[in-house]
Protein backbone atom coordinates (compact mmCIF):
# COMPACT_ATOMS: atom_id res chain seq x y z
CA UNK A 1 -4.35 3.13 -13.81
CA UNK A 2 -1.53 3.47 -16.30
CA UNK A 3 -1.04 6.94 -17.77
CA UNK A 4 -1.84 7.37 -21.45
CA UNK A 5 1.77 8.26 -22.30
CA UNK A 6 2.84 4.88 -20.87
CA UNK A 7 0.47 2.91 -23.13
CA UNK A 8 1.35 1.43 -26.50
CA UNK A 9 0.20 2.99 -29.77
CA UNK A 10 -1.10 0.98 -32.73
CA UNK A 11 2.31 1.21 -34.42
CA UNK A 12 4.03 -0.12 -31.28
CA UNK A 13 1.57 -3.00 -31.07
CA UNK A 14 2.41 -4.15 -34.62
CA UNK A 15 6.07 -4.49 -33.59
CA UNK A 16 5.03 -7.00 -30.91
CA UNK A 17 4.48 -9.63 -33.59
CA UNK A 18 8.25 -10.19 -33.52
CA UNK A 19 8.34 -10.49 -29.73
CA UNK A 20 8.26 -13.34 -27.25
CA UNK A 21 5.22 -14.71 -25.42
CA UNK A 22 4.72 -15.87 -21.85
CA UNK A 23 1.53 -17.51 -20.57
CA UNK A 24 -0.13 -17.41 -17.17
CA UNK A 25 -3.41 -18.75 -15.83
CA UNK A 26 -5.33 -15.46 -16.19
CA UNK A 27 -3.26 -13.53 -18.74
CA UNK A 28 -0.90 -14.00 -21.66
CA UNK A 29 1.94 -11.57 -22.20
CA UNK A 30 3.77 -10.62 -25.40
CA UNK A 31 6.78 -8.32 -25.22
CA UNK A 32 9.84 -6.90 -26.97
CA UNK A 33 12.77 -4.90 -25.58
CA UNK A 34 12.55 -1.11 -25.89
CA UNK A 35 14.04 2.15 -24.66
CA UNK A 36 11.05 3.01 -22.44
CA UNK A 37 8.48 0.77 -20.81
CA UNK A 38 5.03 0.95 -22.39
CA UNK A 39 2.16 -1.44 -21.97
CA UNK A 40 -1.24 -2.29 -23.46
CA UNK A 41 -4.12 -4.47 -22.33
CA UNK A 42 -6.40 -6.43 -24.64
CA UNK A 43 -9.43 -8.65 -24.23
CA UNK A 44 -10.77 -10.87 -27.02
CA UNK A 45 -14.39 -10.69 -28.11
CA UNK A 46 -14.50 -14.45 -27.72
CA UNK A 47 -13.75 -14.09 -24.01
CA UNK A 48 -16.12 -11.18 -23.37
CA UNK A 49 -18.66 -10.59 -26.15
CA UNK A 50 -20.04 -7.33 -24.69
CA UNK A 51 -17.91 -4.17 -24.93
CA UNK A 52 -18.89 -3.23 -21.39
CA UNK A 53 -17.35 -6.43 -20.06
CA UNK A 54 -14.20 -6.08 -22.20
CA UNK A 55 -13.67 -2.53 -20.97
CA UNK A 56 -14.16 -3.60 -17.35
CA UNK A 57 -11.60 -6.39 -17.70
CA UNK A 58 -9.17 -4.04 -19.47
CA UNK A 59 -9.45 -1.48 -16.64
CA UNK A 60 -8.85 -4.24 -14.07
CA UNK A 61 -5.73 -5.39 -15.93
CA UNK A 62 -4.33 -1.85 -16.12
CA UNK A 63 -4.97 -1.36 -12.40
CA UNK A 64 -3.44 -4.74 -11.53
CA UNK A 65 -0.32 -3.99 -13.58
CA UNK A 66 0.64 -0.88 -11.59
CA UNK A 67 2.36 -2.74 -8.73
CA UNK A 68 4.35 -5.20 -10.91
CA UNK A 69 5.39 -2.39 -13.28
CA UNK A 70 6.97 -0.49 -10.38
CA UNK A 71 9.37 -3.44 -9.85
CA UNK A 72 10.41 -3.83 -13.50
CA UNK A 73 14.09 -3.14 -14.13
CA UNK A 74 14.26 -3.89 -17.88
CA UNK A 75 12.47 -1.49 -20.29
CA UNK A 76 10.05 -3.19 -22.70
CA UNK A 77 6.95 -2.79 -24.84
CA UNK A 78 4.35 -5.35 -23.85
CA UNK A 79 0.75 -6.37 -24.24
CA UNK A 80 -1.20 -8.15 -21.54
CA UNK A 81 -3.97 -10.25 -23.07
CA UNK A 82 -6.57 -11.15 -20.48
CA UNK A 83 -8.31 -14.50 -20.57
CA UNK A 84 -12.00 -15.03 -19.82
CA UNK A 85 -11.26 -16.06 -16.22
CA UNK A 86 -9.73 -12.63 -15.47
CA UNK A 87 -13.23 -11.14 -15.29
CA UNK A 88 -14.22 -13.03 -12.14
CA UNK A 89 -10.84 -13.72 -10.52
CA UNK A 90 -9.98 -11.92 -7.28
CA UNK A 91 -7.89 -8.79 -7.85
CA UNK A 92 -4.95 -10.11 -5.77
CA UNK A 93 -4.81 -13.22 -7.94
CA UNK A 94 -4.75 -11.07 -11.08
CA UNK A 95 -1.86 -9.02 -9.67
CA UNK A 96 0.10 -12.16 -8.75
CA UNK A 97 -0.48 -13.68 -12.21
CA UNK A 98 0.85 -10.53 -13.88
CA UNK A 99 3.87 -10.62 -11.56
CA UNK A 100 4.38 -14.26 -12.53
CA UNK A 101 4.40 -13.60 -16.28
CA UNK A 102 6.71 -10.59 -15.81
CA UNK A 103 9.06 -12.79 -13.77
CA UNK A 104 9.00 -15.56 -16.41
CA UNK A 105 9.83 -12.93 -19.03
CA UNK A 106 12.86 -11.85 -16.98
CA UNK A 107 11.68 -8.26 -16.52
CA UNK A 108 12.52 -8.03 -12.81
CA UNK A 109 16.25 -8.37 -13.44
CA UNK A 110 18.52 -10.75 -11.64
């Protein structure tokens, strides 16, 4: 799980509207450069109508992001937006999809 101090605030999330987007099979990722890495996870009501399901998916995304975040070499503010398929996908596949979008965004350095 990501610590609360490493999560984005509402003000930080508004700044993401100027950022870039990268798309994967299970998640979409929007990010901007920053001084310190912070991340947020979101799930649309359309993808999971019940709050219980959205919270479960959000917790899975935060847990899956721990390993890829340890490899990041470029600080950023980012939001991982989980798609409906993230609820039933195997955890390893979720981790690899997050690694893929981070790699496409160029966050692992060269």
